[in-house]
Amino acid sequence: MKIQVLGSGCSTCKKLYEITQKAVAELGLNENVEYITDVQKIVAMGLMQSPILAINDKPAMVGFSSDIEKIKRIIQDNK
């Protein structure tokens, strides 16, 4: 599974990255979370907002959430 957080590099994007890393660890997954700040990759997904949680190169969540349980559900639902 490929897990990515895409964003502009702002504090909100970094926070989603940190929460996503924690969610992956709590789920016991052996996956690395990639943090991408290349705006062109966001545009290539057809999106104009950030941050984005992408799983297997597809947007799974657009916008910020501090709810780790929600992020864990999204990861599990998109395996």
PDB file of N, CA and C in Angstrom:
ATOM      1  N   MET A   1       0.851  -1.167   0.000  1.00  0.00           N
ATOM      2  CA  MET A   1       0.000   0.000   0.000  1.00  0.00           C
ATOM      3  C   MET A   1       0.903   1.239   0.000  1.00  0.00           C
ATOM      4  N   LYS A   2       0.526   2.214  -0.779  1.00  0.00           N
ATOM      5  CA  LYS A   2       1.262   3.474  -0.868  1.00  0.00           C
ATOM      6  C   LYS A   2       0.426   4.563  -0.199  1.00  0.00           C
ATOM      7  N   ILE A   3       0.988   5.176   0.849  1.00  0.00           N
ATOM      8  CA  ILE A   3       0.274   6.204   1.602  1.00  0.00           C
ATOM      9  C   ILE A   3       1.046   7.506   1.471  1.00  0.00           C
ATOM     10  N   GLN A   4       0.338   8.551   1.040  1.00  0.00           N
ATOM     11  CA  GLN A   4       0.979   9.848   0.835  1.00  0.00           C
ATOM     12  C   GLN A   4       0.127  10.958   1.441  1.00  0.00           C
ATOM     13  N   VAL A   5       0.815  11.975   1.947  1.00  0.00           N
ATOM     14  CA  VAL A   5       0.165  13.217   2.328  1.00  0.00           C
ATOM     15  C   VAL A   5       0.747  14.279   1.405  1.00  0.00           C
ATOM     16  N   LEU A   6      -0.129  14.947   0.670  1.00  0.00           N
ATOM     17  CA  LEU A   6       0.298  15.993  -0.251  1.00  0.00           C
ATOM     18  C   LEU A   6      -0.172  17.336   0.280  1.00  0.00           C
ATOM     19  N   GLY A   7       0.715  18.303   0.253  1.00  0.00           N
ATOM     20  CA  GLY A   7       0.348  19.626   0.731  1.00  0.00           C
ATOM     21  C   GLY A   7       1.397  20.651   0.370  1.00  0.00           C
ATOM     22  N   SER A   8       1.119  21.872   0.747  1.00  0.00           N
ATOM     23  CA  SER A   8       1.988  22.988   0.391  1.00  0.00           C
ATOM     24  C   SER A   8       3.197  23.117   1.309  1.00  0.00           C
ATOM     25  N   GLY A   9       3.201  22.386   2.404  1.00  0.00           N
ATOM     26  CA  GLY A   9       4.278  22.500   3.370  1.00  0.00           C
ATOM     27  C   GLY A   9       3.883  23.329   4.576  1.00  0.00           C
ATOM     28  N   CYS A  10       2.614  23.729   4.638  1.00  0.00           N
ATOM     29  CA  CYS A  10       2.131  24.548   5.758  1.00  0.00           C
ATOM     30  C   CYS A  10       2.007  23.685   7.023  1.00  0.00           C
ATOM     31  N   SER A  11       1.754  24.337   8.134  1.00  0.00           N
ATOM     32  CA  SER A  11       1.667  23.624   9.413  1.00  0.00           C
ATOM     33  C   SER A  11       0.499  22.627   9.430  1.00  0.00           C
ATOM     34  N   THR A  12      -0.598  22.947   8.773  1.00  0.00           N
ATOM     35  CA  THR A  12      -1.748  22.031   8.714  1.00  0.00           C
ATOM     36  C   THR A  12      -1.382  20.761   7.950  1.00  0.00           C
ATOM     37  N   CYS A  13      -0.680  20.914   6.845  1.00  0.00           N
ATOM     38  CA  CYS A  13      -0.271  19.757   6.047  1.00  0.00           C
ATOM     39  C   CYS A  13       0.698  18.879   6.842  1.00  0.00           C
ATOM     40  N   LYS A  14       1.637  19.518   7.529  1.00  0.00           N
ATOM     41  CA  LYS A  14       2.603  18.778   8.343  1.00  0.00           C
ATOM     42  C   LYS A  14       1.900  18.032   9.463  1.00  0.00           C
ATOM     43  N   LYS A  15       0.879  18.645  10.050  1.00  0.00           N
ATOM     44  CA  LYS A  15       0.135  18.000  11.133  1.00  0.00           C
ATOM     45  C   LYS A  15      -0.609  16.760  10.617  1.00  0.00           C
ATOM     46  N   LEU A  16      -1.206  16.853   9.424  1.00  0.00           N
ATOM     47  CA  LEU A  16      -1.872  15.682   8.847  1.00  0.00           C
ATOM     48  C   LEU A  16      -0.865  14.570   8.601  1.00  0.00           C
ATOM     49  N   TYR A  17       0.315  14.922   8.134  1.00  0.00           N
ATOM     50  CA  TYR A  17       1.377  13.943   7.919  1.00  0.00           C
ATOM     51  C   TYR A  17       1.722  13.238   9.232  1.00  0.00           C
ATOM     52  N   GLU A  18       1.889  14.006  10.301  1.00  0.00           N
ATOM     53  CA  GLU A  18       2.230  13.427  11.604  1.00  0.00           C
ATOM     54  C   GLU A  18       1.121  12.513  12.114  1.00  0.00           C
ATOM     55  N   ILE A  19      -0.128  12.955  11.994  1.00  0.00           N
ATOM     56  CA  ILE A  19      -1.258  12.143  12.455  1.00  0.00           C
ATOM     57  C   ILE A  19      -1.362  10.866  11.618  1.00  0.00           C
ATOM     58  N   THR A  20      -1.122  10.979  10.322  1.00  0.00           N
ATOM     59  CA  THR A  20      -1.188   9.805   9.444  1.00  0.00           C
ATOM     60  C   THR A  20      -0.098   8.803   9.806  1.00  0.00           C
ATOM     61  N   GLN A  21       1.107   9.291  10.109  1.00  0.00           N
ATOM     62  CA  GLN A  21       2.180   8.386  10.532  1.00  0.00           C
ATOM     63  C   GLN A  21       1.782   7.651  11.811  1.00  0.00           C
ATOM     64  N   LYS A  22       1.182   8.366  12.748  1.00  0.00           N
ATOM     65  CA  LYS A  22       0.746   7.756  14.004  1.00  0.00           C
ATOM     66  C   LYS A  22      -0.356   6.729  13.744  1.00  0.00           C
ATOM     67  N   ALA A  23      -1.290   7.053  12.853  1.00  0.00           N
ATOM     68  CA  ALA A  23      -2.385   6.126  12.521  1.00  0.00           C
ATOM     69  C   ALA A  23      -1.841   4.833  11.922  1.00  0.00           C
ATOM     70  N   VAL A  24      -0.867   4.955  11.029  1.00  0.00           N
ATOM     71  CA  VAL A  24      -0.247   3.776  10.401  1.00  0.00           C
ATOM     72  C   VAL A  24       0.417   2.917  11.468  1.00  0.00           C
ATOM     73  N   ALA A  25       1.123   3.548  12.397  1.00  0.00           N
ATOM     74  CA  ALA A  25       1.780   2.803  13.474  1.00  0.00           C
ATOM     75  C   ALA A  25       0.756   2.104  14.362  1.00  0.00           C
ATOM     76  N   GLU A  26      -0.316   2.808  14.721  1.00  0.00           N
ATOM     77  CA  GLU A  26      -1.346   2.212  15.575  1.00  0.00           C
ATOM     78  C   GLU A  26      -2.060   1.056  14.897  1.00  0.00           C
ATOM     79  N   LEU A  27      -2.155   1.100  13.573  1.00  0.00           N
ATOM     80  CA  LEU A  27      -2.776   0.003  12.826  1.00  0.00           C
ATOM     81  C   LEU A  27      -1.821  -1.179  12.664  1.00  0.00           C
ATOM     82  N   GLY A  28      -0.560  -0.980  13.042  1.00  0.00           N
ATOM     83  CA  GLY A  28       0.426  -2.050  12.930  1.00  0.00           C
ATOM     84  C   GLY A  28       0.867  -2.302  11.497  1.00  0.00           C
ATOM     85  N   LEU A  29       0.702  -1.295  10.656  1.00  0.00           N
ATOM     86  CA  LEU A  29       1.108  -1.443   9.251  1.00  0.00           C
ATOM     87  C   LEU A  29       2.593  -1.147   9.110  1.00  0.00           C
ATOM     88  N   ASN A  30       3.211  -1.821   8.195  1.00  0.00           N
ATOM     89  CA  ASN A  30       4.635  -1.638   7.947  1.00  0.00           C
ATOM     90  C   ASN A  30       4.830  -0.778   6.704  1.00  0.00           C
ATOM     91  N   GLU A  31       4.087   0.321   6.633  1.00  0.00           N
ATOM     92  CA  GLU A  31       4.118   1.201   5.466  1.00  0.00           C
ATOM     93  C   GLU A  31       4.774   2.524   5.833  1.00  0.00           C
ATOM     94  N   ASN A  32       5.508   3.091   4.901  1.00  0.00           N
ATOM     95  CA  ASN A  32       6.040   4.431   5.071  1.00  0.00           C
ATOM     96  C   ASN A  32       5.011   5.428   4.558  1.00  0.00           C
ATOM     97  N   VAL A  33       4.900   6.543   5.237  1.00  0.00           N
ATOM     98  CA  VAL A  33       4.032   7.622   4.776  1.00  0.00           C
ATOM     99  C   VAL A  33       4.924   8.640   4.094  1.00  0.00           C
ATOM    100  N   GLU A  34       4.605   8.924   2.854  1.00  0.00           N
ATOM    101  CA  GLU A  34       5.393   9.872   2.065  1.00  0.00           C
ATOM    102  C   GLU A  34       4.764  11.256   2.169  1.00  0.00           C
ATOM    103  N   TYR A  35       5.587  12.270   2.358  1.00  0.00           N
ATOM    104  CA  TYR A  35       5.104  13.653   2.441  1.00  0.00           C
ATOM    105  C   TYR A  35       5.575  14.392   1.195  1.00  0.00           C
ATOM    106  N   ILE A  36       4.626  14.858   0.403  1.00  0.00           N
ATOM    107  CA  ILE A  36       4.926  15.495  -0.883  1.00  0.00           C
ATOM    108  C   ILE A  36       4.462  16.940  -0.855  1.00  0.00           C
ATOM    109  N   THR A  37       5.368  17.854  -1.185  1.00  0.00           N
ATOM    110  CA  THR A  37       5.026  19.279  -1.213  1.00  0.00           C
ATOM    111  C   THR A  37       5.041  19.841  -2.631  1.00  0.00           C
ATOM    112  N   ASP A  38       5.114  18.964  -3.619  1.00  0.00           N
ATOM    113  CA  ASP A  38       5.117  19.389  -5.021  1.00  0.00           C
ATOM    114  C   ASP A  38       3.679  19.707  -5.457  1.00  0.00           C
ATOM    115  N   VAL A  39       3.395  20.991  -5.629  1.00  0.00           N
ATOM    116  CA  VAL A  39       2.042  21.425  -5.989  1.00  0.00           C
ATOM    117  C   VAL A  39       1.599  20.812  -7.316  1.00  0.00           C
ATOM    118  N   GLN A  40       2.520  20.557  -8.216  1.00  0.00           N
ATOM    119  CA  GLN A  40       2.177  19.958  -9.515  1.00  0.00           C
ATOM    120  C   GLN A  40       1.548  18.570  -9.340  1.00  0.00           C
ATOM    121  N   LYS A  41       1.979  17.834  -8.319  1.00  0.00           N
ATOM    122  CA  LYS A  41       1.389  16.511  -8.083  1.00  0.00           C
ATOM    123  C   LYS A  41      -0.046  16.634  -7.592  1.00  0.00           C
ATOM    124  N   ILE A  42      -0.308  17.686  -6.816  1.00  0.00           N
ATOM    125  CA  ILE A  42      -1.683  17.933  -6.350  1.00  0.00           C
ATOM    126  C   ILE A  42      -2.566  18.269  -7.550  1.00  0.00           C
ATOM    127  N   VAL A  43      -2.085  19.150  -8.398  1.00  0.00           N
ATOM    128  CA  VAL A  43      -2.831  19.544  -9.597  1.00  0.00           C
ATOM    129  C   VAL A  43      -3.034  18.339 -10.512  1.00  0.00           C
ATOM    130  N   ALA A  44      -2.029  17.480 -10.622  1.00  0.00           N
ATOM    131  CA  ALA A  44      -2.132  16.292 -11.480  1.00  0.00           C
ATOM    132  C   ALA A  44      -3.239  15.351 -11.010  1.00  0.00           C
ATOM    133  N   MET A  45      -3.577  15.397  -9.724  1.00  0.00           N
ATOM    134  CA  MET A  45      -4.677  14.582  -9.205  1.00  0.00           C
ATOM    135  C   MET A  45      -6.027  15.231  -9.499  1.00  0.00           C
ATOM    136  N   GLY A  46      -5.990  16.424 -10.085  1.00  0.00           N
ATOM    137  CA  GLY A  46      -7.230  17.118 -10.411  1.00  0.00           C
ATOM    138  C   GLY A  46      -7.805  17.880  -9.234  1.00  0.00           C
ATOM    139  N   LEU A  47      -6.976  18.160  -8.247  1.00  0.00           N
ATOM    140  CA  LEU A  47      -7.447  18.837  -7.044  1.00  0.00           C
ATOM    141  C   LEU A  47      -6.777  20.193  -6.896  1.00  0.00           C
ATOM    142  N   MET A  48      -7.482  21.096  -6.251  1.00  0.00           N
ATOM    143  CA  MET A  48      -6.947  22.433  -6.039  1.00  0.00           C
ATOM    144  C   MET A  48      -6.877  22.764  -4.553  1.00  0.00           C
ATOM    145  N   GLN A  49      -7.080  21.760  -3.706  1.00  0.00           N
ATOM    146  CA  GLN A  49      -7.049  21.958  -2.256  1.00  0.00           C
ATOM    147  C   GLN A  49      -5.952  21.096  -1.654  1.00  0.00           C
ATOM    148  N   SER A  50      -5.550  21.474  -0.461  1.00  0.00           N
ATOM    149  CA  SER A  50      -4.641  20.624   0.293  1.00  0.00           C
ATOM    150  C   SER A  50      -4.948  20.819   1.768  1.00  0.00           C
ATOM    151  N   PRO A  51      -4.575  19.935   2.621  1.00  0.00           N
ATOM    152  CA  PRO A  51      -3.800  18.726   2.337  1.00  0.00           C
ATOM    153  C   PRO A  51      -4.673  17.610   1.779  1.00  0.00           C
ATOM    154  N   ILE A  52      -3.993  16.637   1.215  1.00  0.00           N
ATOM    155  CA  ILE A  52      -4.648  15.473   0.627  1.00  0.00           C
ATOM    156  C   ILE A  52      -4.020  14.224   1.226  1.00  0.00           C
ATOM    157  N   LEU A  53      -4.847  13.294   1.652  1.00  0.00           N
ATOM    158  CA  LEU A  53      -4.382  11.965   2.038  1.00  0.00           C
ATOM    159  C   LEU A  53      -4.664  11.073   0.843  1.00  0.00           C
ATOM    160  N   ALA A  54      -3.601  10.555   0.241  1.00  0.00           N
ATOM    161  CA  ALA A  54      -3.758   9.697  -0.938  1.00  0.00           C
ATOM    162  C   ALA A  54      -3.301   8.286  -0.589  1.00  0.00           C
ATOM    163  N   ILE A  55      -4.060   7.331  -1.076  1.00  0.00           N
ATOM    164  CA  ILE A  55      -3.712   5.929  -0.887  1.00  0.00           C
ATOM    165  C   ILE A  55      -3.686   5.276  -2.252  1.00  0.00           C
ATOM    166  N   ASN A  56      -2.547   4.658  -2.555  1.00  0.00           N
ATOM    167  CA  ASN A  56      -2.330   4.029  -3.858  1.00  0.00           C
ATOM    168  C   ASN A  56      -2.591   5.017  -4.997  1.00  0.00           C
ATOM    169  N   ASP A  57      -2.055   6.224  -4.826  1.00  0.00           N
ATOM    170  CA  ASP A  57      -2.107   7.295  -5.833  1.00  0.00           C
ATOM    171  C   ASP A  57      -3.507   7.844  -6.103  1.00  0.00           C
ATOM    172  N   LYS A  58      -4.463   7.571  -5.208  1.00  0.00           N
ATOM    173  CA  LYS A  58      -5.813   8.110  -5.372  1.00  0.00           C
ATOM    174  C   LYS A  58      -6.190   8.896  -4.118  1.00  0.00           C
ATOM    175  N   PRO A  59      -6.803  10.063  -4.291  1.00  0.00           N
ATOM    176  CA  PRO A  59      -7.205  10.846  -3.116  1.00  0.00           C
ATOM    177  C   PRO A  59      -8.219  10.079  -2.260  1.00  0.00           C
ATOM    178  N   ALA A  60      -7.924   9.943  -0.982  1.00  0.00           N
ATOM    179  CA  ALA A  60      -8.839   9.274  -0.065  1.00  0.00           C
ATOM    180  C   ALA A  60      -9.510  10.279   0.862  1.00  0.00           C
ATOM    181  N   MET A  61      -8.835  11.420   1.084  1.00  0.00           N
ATOM    182  CA  MET A  61      -9.407  12.477   1.912  1.00  0.00           C
ATOM    183  C   MET A  61      -8.788  13.804   1.474  1.00  0.00           C
ATOM    184  N   VAL A  62      -9.643  14.793   1.290  1.00  0.00           N
ATOM    185  CA  VAL A  62      -9.178  16.136   0.936  1.00  0.00           C
ATOM    186  C   VAL A  62      -9.549  17.058   2.077  1.00  0.00           C
ATOM    187  N   GLY A  63      -8.571  17.790   2.573  1.00  0.00           N
ATOM    188  CA  GLY A  63      -8.792  18.665   3.713  1.00  0.00           C
ATOM    189  C   GLY A  63      -8.202  18.065   4.964  1.00  0.00           C
ATOM    190  N   PHE A  64      -8.164  18.853   6.014  1.00  0.00           N
ATOM    191  CA  PHE A  64      -7.523  18.437   7.253  1.00  0.00           C
ATOM    192  C   PHE A  64      -8.513  17.807   8.216  1.00  0.00           C
ATOM    193  N   SER A  65      -8.048  16.782   8.898  1.00  0.00           N
ATOM    194  CA  SER A  65      -8.794  16.203  10.013  1.00  0.00           C
ATOM    195  C   SER A  65      -7.784  15.831  11.091  1.00  0.00           C
ATOM    196  N   SER A  66      -8.090  16.185  12.324  1.00  0.00           N
ATOM    197  CA  SER A  66      -7.224  15.793  13.434  1.00  0.00           C
ATOM    198  C   SER A  66      -7.732  14.510  14.086  1.00  0.00           C
ATOM    199  N   ASP A  67      -8.798  13.934  13.535  1.00  0.00           N
ATOM    200  CA  ASP A  67      -9.421  12.730  14.086  1.00  0.00           C
ATOM    201  C   ASP A  67      -8.649  11.493  13.611  1.00  0.00           C
ATOM    202  N   ILE A  68      -7.779  10.984  14.482  1.00  0.00           N
ATOM    203  CA  ILE A  68      -6.942   9.844  14.096  1.00  0.00           C
ATOM    204  C   ILE A  68      -7.788   8.611  13.785  1.00  0.00           C
ATOM    205  N   GLU A  69      -8.914   8.443  14.463  1.00  0.00           N
ATOM    206  CA  GLU A  69      -9.776   7.284  14.187  1.00  0.00           C
ATOM    207  C   GLU A  69     -10.357   7.372  12.779  1.00  0.00           C
ATOM    208  N   LYS A  70     -10.710   8.559  12.345  1.00  0.00           N
ATOM    209  CA  LYS A  70     -11.211   8.750  10.981  1.00  0.00           C
ATOM    210  C   LYS A  70     -10.118   8.407   9.965  1.00  0.00           C
ATOM    211  N   ILE A  71      -8.923   8.847  10.228  1.00  0.00           N
ATOM    212  CA  ILE A  71      -7.810   8.576   9.307  1.00  0.00           C
ATOM    213  C   ILE A  71      -7.517   7.079   9.276  1.00  0.00           C
ATOM    214  N   LYS A  72      -7.581   6.412  10.414  1.00  0.00           N
ATOM    215  CA  LYS A  72      -7.363   4.958  10.440  1.00  0.00           C
ATOM    216  C   LYS A  72      -8.435   4.240   9.620  1.00  0.00           C
ATOM    217  N   ARG A  73      -9.697   4.692   9.746  1.00  0.00           N
ATOM    218  CA  ARG A  73     -10.774   4.068   8.958  1.00  0.00           C
ATOM    219  C   ARG A  73     -10.546   4.267   7.461  1.00  0.00           C
ATOM    220  N   ILE A  74     -10.118   5.453   7.088  1.00  0.00           N
ATOM    221  CA  ILE A  74      -9.857   5.730   5.678  1.00  0.00           C
ATOM    222  C   ILE A  74      -8.760   4.822   5.150  1.00  0.00           C
ATOM    223  N   ILE A  75      -7.699   4.661   5.934  1.00  0.00           N
ATOM    224  CA  ILE A  75      -6.596   3.782   5.505  1.00  0.00           C
ATOM    225  C   ILE A  75      -7.092   2.356   5.372  1.00  0.00           C
ATOM    226  N   GLN A  76      -7.827   1.870   6.358  1.00  0.00           N
ATOM    227  CA  GLN A  76      -8.333   0.494   6.309  1.00  0.00           C
ATOM    228  C   GLN A  76      -9.297   0.278   5.150  1.00  0.00           C
ATOM    229  N   ASP A  77     -10.136   1.253   4.869  1.00  0.00           N
ATOM    230  CA  ASP A  77     -11.125   1.133   3.802  1.00  0.00           C
ATOM    231  C   ASP A  77     -10.515   1.188   2.418  1.00  0.00           C
ATOM    232  N   ASN A  78      -9.282   1.679   2.316  1.00  0.00           N
ATOM    233  CA  ASN A  78      -8.646   1.833   1.014  1.00  0.00           C
ATOM    234  C   ASN A  78      -7.457   0.914   0.804  1.00  0.00           C
ATOM    235  N   LYS A  79      -7.390  -0.169   1.579  1.00  0.00           N
ATOM    236  CA  LYS A  79      -6.284  -1.133   1.416  1.00  0.00           C
ATOM    237  C   LYS A  79      -6.340  -1.778   0.065  1.00  0.00           C
TER     238      LYS A  79
END
